[in-house]
Amino acid sequence: MRVTRQYITEHNYYQVIKHAQEFLEKNFKNKIVSYTFQRYNQIEVVEVEFRKNGLSHLVGLEYSGIYSKNFWIDLKKNTIDWRKIHFTNDDNGGVDSETYFEMKMEALKFIDLLITEDARISDGCLFSNSYVDKVLRTKDDILGIGLKLVTSKTHVMTTTRLLSDAQENIKSGSAVISISAYDKSTKETVIYYSRESIDEAS
């Protein structure tokens, strides 16, 4: 099936994609987001970055013959050329590309939970038929985003998965203690979530 504007809008997928972009722009773009959690009685930190050229793959679409960063730009301006949009051609374990895309859309409806107490960090695993170093996921089996290690400690977002349909053994993960974002432009740090501040307020 060809991806059309009618298909995307009739199923409210355009709204899901736009919301994902707005969420990532506000909370991840040009930032390093740090997830602090406890694993095996040790405090660990996973730093996550989002790159705008990765949005098309996160949502399961790609521009034919056009740089992936242009998907972000055109989506921002509402000027996507739908004649050049295709489903991502992933090796997705036998699931057809349209179904795989719709699974991603269902998962991304819950993207806001990734900076709340519902966020979890899981160990590396086979994720959408490729190995990832970590999984940023929701507490419930809803949304998982694969993370690839690109520096000694910084991970980038790679792919999205609806965990309720995942065949891989993706563990529930470690609960976050705090989530903060360092803005690389302003050099300021913002706290998205802190278990200590919640405890202090209660």
C-alpha atoms as a PDB file:
ATOM      1  CA  MET A   1       0.000   0.000   0.000  1.00  0.00           C
ATOM      2  CA  ARG A   2       1.232   3.489  -0.862  1.00  0.00           C
ATOM      3  CA  VAL A   3       1.292   6.076   1.907  1.00  0.00           C
ATOM      4  CA  THR A   4      -1.198   8.836   1.089  1.00  0.00           C
ATOM      5  CA  ARG A   5      -2.267  12.021   2.796  1.00  0.00           C
ATOM      6  CA  GLN A   6      -5.798  10.611   3.006  1.00  0.00           C
ATOM      7  CA  TYR A   7      -4.646   7.426   4.760  1.00  0.00           C
ATOM      8  CA  ILE A   8      -2.526   9.376   7.264  1.00  0.00           C
ATOM      9  CA  THR A   9      -5.186  11.954   8.083  1.00  0.00           C
ATOM     10  CA  GLU A  10      -8.225   9.648   8.150  1.00  0.00           C
ATOM     11  CA  HIS A  11      -6.593   7.474  10.806  1.00  0.00           C
ATOM     12  CA  ASN A  12      -5.372  10.508  12.807  1.00  0.00           C
ATOM     13  CA  TYR A  13      -1.777   9.390  12.276  1.00  0.00           C
ATOM     14  CA  TYR A  14      -0.723  12.860  11.172  1.00  0.00           C
ATOM     15  CA  GLN A  15      -1.774  14.188  14.565  1.00  0.00           C
ATOM     16  CA  VAL A  16       0.259  11.448  16.297  1.00  0.00           C
ATOM     17  CA  ILE A  17       3.347  12.245  14.191  1.00  0.00           C
ATOM     18  CA  LYS A  18       3.025  15.996  14.736  1.00  0.00           C
ATOM     19  CA  HIS A  19       2.629  15.502  18.482  1.00  0.00           C
ATOM     20  CA  ALA A  20       5.724  13.294  18.560  1.00  0.00           C
ATOM     21  CA  GLN A  21       7.685  15.995  16.753  1.00  0.00           C
ATOM     22  CA  GLU A  22       6.463  18.707  19.120  1.00  0.00           C
ATOM     23  CA  PHE A  23       7.287  16.560  22.155  1.00  0.00           C
ATOM     24  CA  LEU A  24      10.783  15.756  20.897  1.00  0.00           C
ATOM     25  CA  GLU A  25      11.456  19.360  19.924  1.00  0.00           C
ATOM     26  CA  LYS A  26      10.431  20.664  23.326  1.00  0.00           C
ATOM     27  CA  ASN A  27      12.031  18.008  25.508  1.00  0.00           C
ATOM     28  CA  PHE A  28      14.898  16.397  23.551  1.00  0.00           C
ATOM     29  CA  LYS A  29      16.063  18.482  20.584  1.00  0.00           C
ATOM     30  CA  ASN A  30      19.472  20.117  21.256  1.00  0.00           C
ATOM     31  CA  LYS A  31      19.452  18.581  24.720  1.00  0.00           C
ATOM     32  CA  ILE A  32      21.114  15.725  26.558  1.00  0.00           C
ATOM     33  CA  VAL A  33      18.439  13.997  28.638  1.00  0.00           C
ATOM     34  CA  SER A  34      19.791  12.053  31.602  1.00  0.00           C
ATOM     35  CA  TYR A  35      17.918   9.111  33.103  1.00  0.00           C
ATOM     36  CA  THR A  36      19.141   8.177  36.591  1.00  0.00           C
ATOM     37  CA  PHE A  37      18.080   4.760  37.848  1.00  0.00           C
ATOM     38  CA  GLN A  38      19.117   2.019  40.233  1.00  0.00           C
ATOM     39  CA  ARG A  39      20.310  -1.312  38.845  1.00  0.00           C
ATOM     40  CA  TYR A  40      21.666  -4.126  41.003  1.00  0.00           C
ATOM     41  CA  ASN A  41      22.038  -1.719  43.950  1.00  0.00           C
ATOM     42  CA  GLN A  42      24.126   0.624  41.797  1.00  0.00           C
ATOM     43  CA  ILE A  43      23.098   4.105  40.657  1.00  0.00           C
ATOM     44  CA  GLU A  44      23.506   4.453  36.897  1.00  0.00           C
ATOM     45  CA  VAL A  45      22.875   7.229  34.391  1.00  0.00           C
ATOM     46  CA  VAL A  46      21.915   6.877  30.742  1.00  0.00           C
ATOM     47  CA  GLU A  47      22.268   9.990  28.588  1.00  0.00           C
ATOM     48  CA  VAL A  48      19.940  10.222  25.601  1.00  0.00           C
ATOM     49  CA  GLU A  49      20.042  12.491  22.568  1.00  0.00           C
ATOM     50  CA  PHE A  50      17.534  12.875  19.763  1.00  0.00           C
ATOM     51  CA  ARG A  51      18.621  13.816  16.262  1.00  0.00           C
ATOM     52  CA  LYS A  52      16.010  15.277  13.946  1.00  0.00           C
ATOM     53  CA  ASN A  53      17.168  13.096  11.062  1.00  0.00           C
ATOM     54  CA  GLY A  54      15.938  10.128  13.117  1.00  0.00           C
ATOM     55  CA  LEU A  55      12.285  11.177  13.320  1.00  0.00           C
ATOM     56  CA  SER A  56      11.221   9.519  10.072  1.00  0.00           C
ATOM     57  CA  HIS A  57      12.559   6.154  11.232  1.00  0.00           C
ATOM     58  CA  LEU A  58      10.990   6.544  14.672  1.00  0.00           C
ATOM     59  CA  VAL A  59       7.563   7.021  13.077  1.00  0.00           C
ATOM     60  CA  GLY A  60       8.102   4.352  10.400  1.00  0.00           C
ATOM     61  CA  LEU A  61       8.210   6.529   7.287  1.00  0.00           C
ATOM     62  CA  GLU A  62      10.921   7.583   4.870  1.00  0.00           C
ATOM     63  CA  TYR A  63      11.373  10.130   2.102  1.00  0.00           C
ATOM     64  CA  SER A  64      12.318   8.564  -1.220  1.00  0.00           C
ATOM     65  CA  GLY A  65      15.608  10.036  -2.474  1.00  0.00           C
ATOM     66  CA  ILE A  66      15.578  12.864   0.083  1.00  0.00           C
ATOM     67  CA  TYR A  67      17.714  13.358   3.177  1.00  0.00           C
ATOM     68  CA  SER A  68      15.926  12.074   6.273  1.00  0.00           C
ATOM     69  CA  LYS A  69      16.330  15.433   8.038  1.00  0.00           C
ATOM     70  CA  ASN A  70      14.010  16.946   5.421  1.00  0.00           C
ATOM     71  CA  PHE A  71      11.152  14.913   6.849  1.00  0.00           C
ATOM     72  CA  TRP A  72      11.546  16.879  10.096  1.00  0.00           C
ATOM     73  CA  ILE A  73      11.762  20.192   8.204  1.00  0.00           C
ATOM     74  CA  ASP A  74       8.773  19.539   5.942  1.00  0.00           C
ATOM     75  CA  LEU A  75       6.662  18.162   8.778  1.00  0.00           C
ATOM     76  CA  LYS A  76       7.415  21.310  10.749  1.00  0.00           C
ATOM     77  CA  LYS A  77       6.203  23.427   7.820  1.00  0.00           C
ATOM     78  CA  ASN A  78       3.313  21.077   6.946  1.00  0.00           C
ATOM     79  CA  THR A  79       4.731  20.748   3.425  1.00  0.00           C
ATOM     80  CA  ILE A  80       5.425  17.004   3.185  1.00  0.00           C
ATOM     81  CA  ASP A  81       5.424  15.685  -0.380  1.00  0.00           C
ATOM     82  CA  TRP A  82       3.306  12.579   0.165  1.00  0.00           C
ATOM     83  CA  ARG A  83       4.160  11.267  -3.307  1.00  0.00           C
ATOM     84  CA  LYS A  84       7.672  10.570  -1.999  1.00  0.00           C
ATOM     85  CA  ILE A  85       6.721   9.060   1.366  1.00  0.00           C
ATOM     86  CA  HIS A  86       6.991   5.307   1.898  1.00  0.00           C
ATOM     87  CA  PHE A  87       6.744   2.946   4.831  1.00  0.00           C
ATOM     88  CA  THR A  88      10.124   2.199   6.381  1.00  0.00           C
ATOM     89  CA  ASN A  89      11.490  -0.966   4.830  1.00  0.00           C
ATOM     90  CA  ASP A  90      12.575  -2.626   8.069  1.00  0.00           C
ATOM     91  CA  ASP A  91      13.218  -6.297   8.677  1.00  0.00           C
ATOM     92  CA  ASN A  92      10.364  -6.562  11.147  1.00  0.00           C
ATOM     93  CA  GLY A  93       9.955 -10.260  11.730  1.00  0.00           C
ATOM     94  CA  GLY A  94       7.381 -10.956   9.048  1.00  0.00           C
ATOM     95  CA  VAL A  95       4.993  -8.100   9.884  1.00  0.00           C
ATOM     96  CA  ASP A  96       4.049  -6.170   6.759  1.00  0.00           C
ATOM     97  CA  SER A  97       5.206  -2.548   6.552  1.00  0.00           C
ATOM     98  CA  GLU A  98       1.735  -1.035   6.929  1.00  0.00           C
ATOM     99  CA  THR A  99       0.978  -3.023  10.087  1.00  0.00           C
ATOM    100  CA  TYR A 100       4.424  -2.214  11.453  1.00  0.00           C
ATOM    101  CA  PHE A 101       3.788   1.501  10.879  1.00  0.00           C
ATOM    102  CA  GLU A 102       0.409   1.292  12.615  1.00  0.00           C
ATOM    103  CA  MET A 103       2.067  -0.417  15.599  1.00  0.00           C
ATOM    104  CA  LYS A 104       4.495   2.483  15.831  1.00  0.00           C
ATOM    105  CA  MET A 105       1.613   4.952  15.714  1.00  0.00           C
ATOM    106  CA  GLU A 106      -0.153   3.170  18.564  1.00  0.00           C
ATOM    107  CA  ALA A 107       3.037   3.246  20.643  1.00  0.00           C
ATOM    108  CA  LEU A 108       3.855   6.893  19.954  1.00  0.00           C
ATOM    109  CA  LYS A 109       0.515   8.012  21.370  1.00  0.00           C
ATOM    110  CA  PHE A 110       2.185   7.524  24.756  1.00  0.00           C
ATOM    111  CA  ILE A 111       5.456   9.337  24.055  1.00  0.00           C
ATOM    112  CA  ASP A 112       4.779  11.890  26.809  1.00  0.00           C
ATOM    113  CA  LEU A 113       5.316   9.161  29.421  1.00  0.00           C
ATOM    114  CA  LEU A 114       9.031   9.042  28.594  1.00  0.00           C
ATOM    115  CA  ILE A 115       9.792  12.011  30.849  1.00  0.00           C
ATOM    116  CA  THR A 116       7.591  10.935  33.756  1.00  0.00           C
ATOM    117  CA  GLU A 117       7.820   8.416  36.589  1.00  0.00           C
ATOM    118  CA  ASP A 118       6.473   5.825  34.130  1.00  0.00           C
ATOM    119  CA  ALA A 119       9.798   5.790  32.244  1.00  0.00           C
ATOM    120  CA  ARG A 120      12.036   2.732  32.515  1.00  0.00           C
ATOM    121  CA  ILE A 121      15.493   1.769  31.236  1.00  0.00           C
ATOM    122  CA  SER A 122      16.046  -1.802  30.031  1.00  0.00           C
ATOM    123  CA  ASP A 123      19.266  -3.539  29.088  1.00  0.00           C
ATOM    124  CA  GLY A 124      20.355  -4.058  25.521  1.00  0.00           C
ATOM    125  CA  CYS A 125      18.472  -6.675  23.536  1.00  0.00           C
ATOM    126  CA  LEU A 126      17.224  -7.701  20.130  1.00  0.00           C
ATOM    127  CA  PHE A 127      14.744  -4.955  19.297  1.00  0.00           C
ATOM    128  CA  SER A 128      12.843  -4.899  15.992  1.00  0.00           C
ATOM    129  CA  ASN A 129      15.362  -7.431  14.673  1.00  0.00           C
ATOM    130  CA  SER A 130      18.414  -5.284  15.382  1.00  0.00           C
ATOM    131  CA  TYR A 131      20.502  -5.102  18.532  1.00  0.00           C
ATOM    132  CA  VAL A 132      20.201  -1.975  20.674  1.00  0.00           C
ATOM    133  CA  ASP A 133      22.335  -1.037  23.683  1.00  0.00           C
ATOM    134  CA  LYS A 134      19.423   0.083  25.865  1.00  0.00           C
ATOM    135  CA  VAL A 135      15.653   0.443  25.632  1.00  0.00           C
ATOM    136  CA  LEU A 136      13.857   3.534  26.897  1.00  0.00           C
ATOM    137  CA  ARG A 137      10.387   2.258  27.644  1.00  0.00           C
ATOM    138  CA  THR A 138       7.165   2.792  29.536  1.00  0.00           C
ATOM    139  CA  LYS A 139       6.338   0.964  32.758  1.00  0.00           C
ATOM    140  CA  ASP A 140       3.509  -0.901  31.038  1.00  0.00           C
ATOM    141  CA  ASP A 141       4.129  -2.831  27.817  1.00  0.00           C
ATOM    142  CA  ILE A 142       3.229   0.034  25.517  1.00  0.00           C
ATOM    143  CA  LEU A 143       6.101   2.064  24.096  1.00  0.00           C
ATOM    144  CA  GLY A 144       9.770   1.197  23.684  1.00  0.00           C
ATOM    145  CA  ILE A 145      12.473   3.201  21.920  1.00  0.00           C
ATOM    146  CA  GLY A 146      15.755   1.521  21.067  1.00  0.00           C
ATOM    147  CA  LEU A 147      18.937   3.382  22.038  1.00  0.00           C
ATOM    148  CA  LYS A 148      22.326   3.051  20.369  1.00  0.00           C
ATOM    149  CA  LEU A 149      25.523   4.026  22.176  1.00  0.00           C
ATOM    150  CA  VAL A 150      27.374   6.610  20.048  1.00  0.00           C
ATOM    151  CA  THR A 151      29.939   7.943  22.522  1.00  0.00           C
ATOM    152  CA  SER A 152      31.387   6.570  25.743  1.00  0.00           C
ATOM    153  CA  LYS A 153      28.103   7.314  27.526  1.00  0.00           C
ATOM    154  CA  THR A 154      25.629   8.996  25.173  1.00  0.00           C
ATOM    155  CA  HIS A 155      22.852   7.105  23.400  1.00  0.00           C
ATOM    156  CA  VAL A 156      20.711   8.191  20.446  1.00  0.00           C
ATOM    157  CA  MET A 157      17.136   7.145  19.690  1.00  0.00           C
ATOM    158  CA  THR A 158      16.917   4.648  16.847  1.00  0.00           C
ATOM    159  CA  THR A 159      13.591   2.831  16.497  1.00  0.00           C
ATOM    160  CA  THR A 160      10.145   2.604  18.066  1.00  0.00           C
ATOM    161  CA  ARG A 161       8.158  -0.468  19.020  1.00  0.00           C
ATOM    162  CA  LEU A 162       4.735  -1.231  20.466  1.00  0.00           C
ATOM    163  CA  LEU A 163       5.800  -3.493  23.314  1.00  0.00           C
ATOM    164  CA  SER A 164       2.488  -5.297  23.754  1.00  0.00           C
ATOM    165  CA  ASP A 165       3.100  -6.917  20.351  1.00  0.00           C
ATOM    166  CA  ALA A 166       6.855  -7.378  20.722  1.00  0.00           C
ATOM    167  CA  GLN A 167       8.179 -10.883  20.254  1.00  0.00           C
ATOM    168  CA  GLU A 168      11.538 -10.015  21.778  1.00  0.00           C
ATOM    169  CA  ASN A 169      12.172 -10.616  25.463  1.00  0.00           C
ATOM    170  CA  ILE A 170      12.252  -6.958  26.520  1.00  0.00           C
ATOM    171  CA  LYS A 171      12.493  -6.759  30.279  1.00  0.00           C
ATOM    172  CA  SER A 172      10.372  -4.353  32.315  1.00  0.00           C
ATOM    173  CA  GLY A 173      13.498  -2.383  33.161  1.00  0.00           C
ATOM    174  CA  SER A 174      14.658  -0.233  36.048  1.00  0.00           C
ATOM    175  CA  ALA A 175      12.488   2.566  37.423  1.00  0.00           C
ATOM    176  CA  VAL A 176      13.906   6.056  37.061  1.00  0.00           C
ATOM    177  CA  ILE A 177      14.966   8.073  40.089  1.00  0.00           C
ATOM    178  CA  SER A 178      15.237  11.315  38.162  1.00  0.00           C
ATOM    179  CA  ILE A 179      15.083  12.692  34.611  1.00  0.00           C
ATOM    180  CA  SER A 180      16.868  15.917  33.687  1.00  0.00           C
ATOM    181  CA  ALA A 181      17.757  17.735  30.478  1.00  0.00           C
ATOM    182  CA  TYR A 182      20.895  19.742  29.753  1.00  0.00           C
ATOM    183  CA  ASP A 183      20.255  22.358  27.055  1.00  0.00           C
ATOM    184  CA  LYS A 184      23.348  22.557  24.856  1.00  0.00           C
ATOM    185  CA  SER A 185      22.432  26.075  23.710  1.00  0.00           C
ATOM    186  CA  THR A 186      21.556  27.786  26.984  1.00  0.00           C
ATOM    187  CA  LYS A 187      23.801  25.563  29.159  1.00  0.00           C
ATOM    188  CA  GLU A 188      20.884  25.245  31.589  1.00  0.00           C
ATOM    189  CA  THR A 189      19.608  22.064  33.222  1.00  0.00           C
ATOM    190  CA  VAL A 190      15.892  21.384  33.671  1.00  0.00           C
ATOM    191  CA  ILE A 191      14.461  18.684  35.944  1.00  0.00           C
ATOM    192  CA  TYR A 192      11.648  16.738  34.267  1.00  0.00           C
ATOM    193  CA  TYR A 193      11.099  14.294  37.104  1.00  0.00           C
ATOM    194  CA  SER A 194      12.621  13.622  40.512  1.00  0.00           C
ATOM    195  CA  ARG A 195      11.480  10.931  42.908  1.00  0.00           C
ATOM    196  CA  GLU A 196      12.988  12.901  45.818  1.00  0.00           C
ATOM    197  CA  SER A 197      10.976  16.023  45.050  1.00  0.00           C
ATOM    198  CA  ILE A 198       7.800  13.932  44.863  1.00  0.00           C
ATOM    199  CA  ASP A 199       8.596  12.346  48.245  1.00  0.00           C
ATOM    200  CA  GLU A 200       9.343  15.741  49.769  1.00  0.00           C
ATOM    201  CA  ALA A 201       6.039  17.153  48.548  1.00  0.00           C
ATOM    202  CA  SER A 202       3.996  14.235  49.890  1.00  0.00           C
END
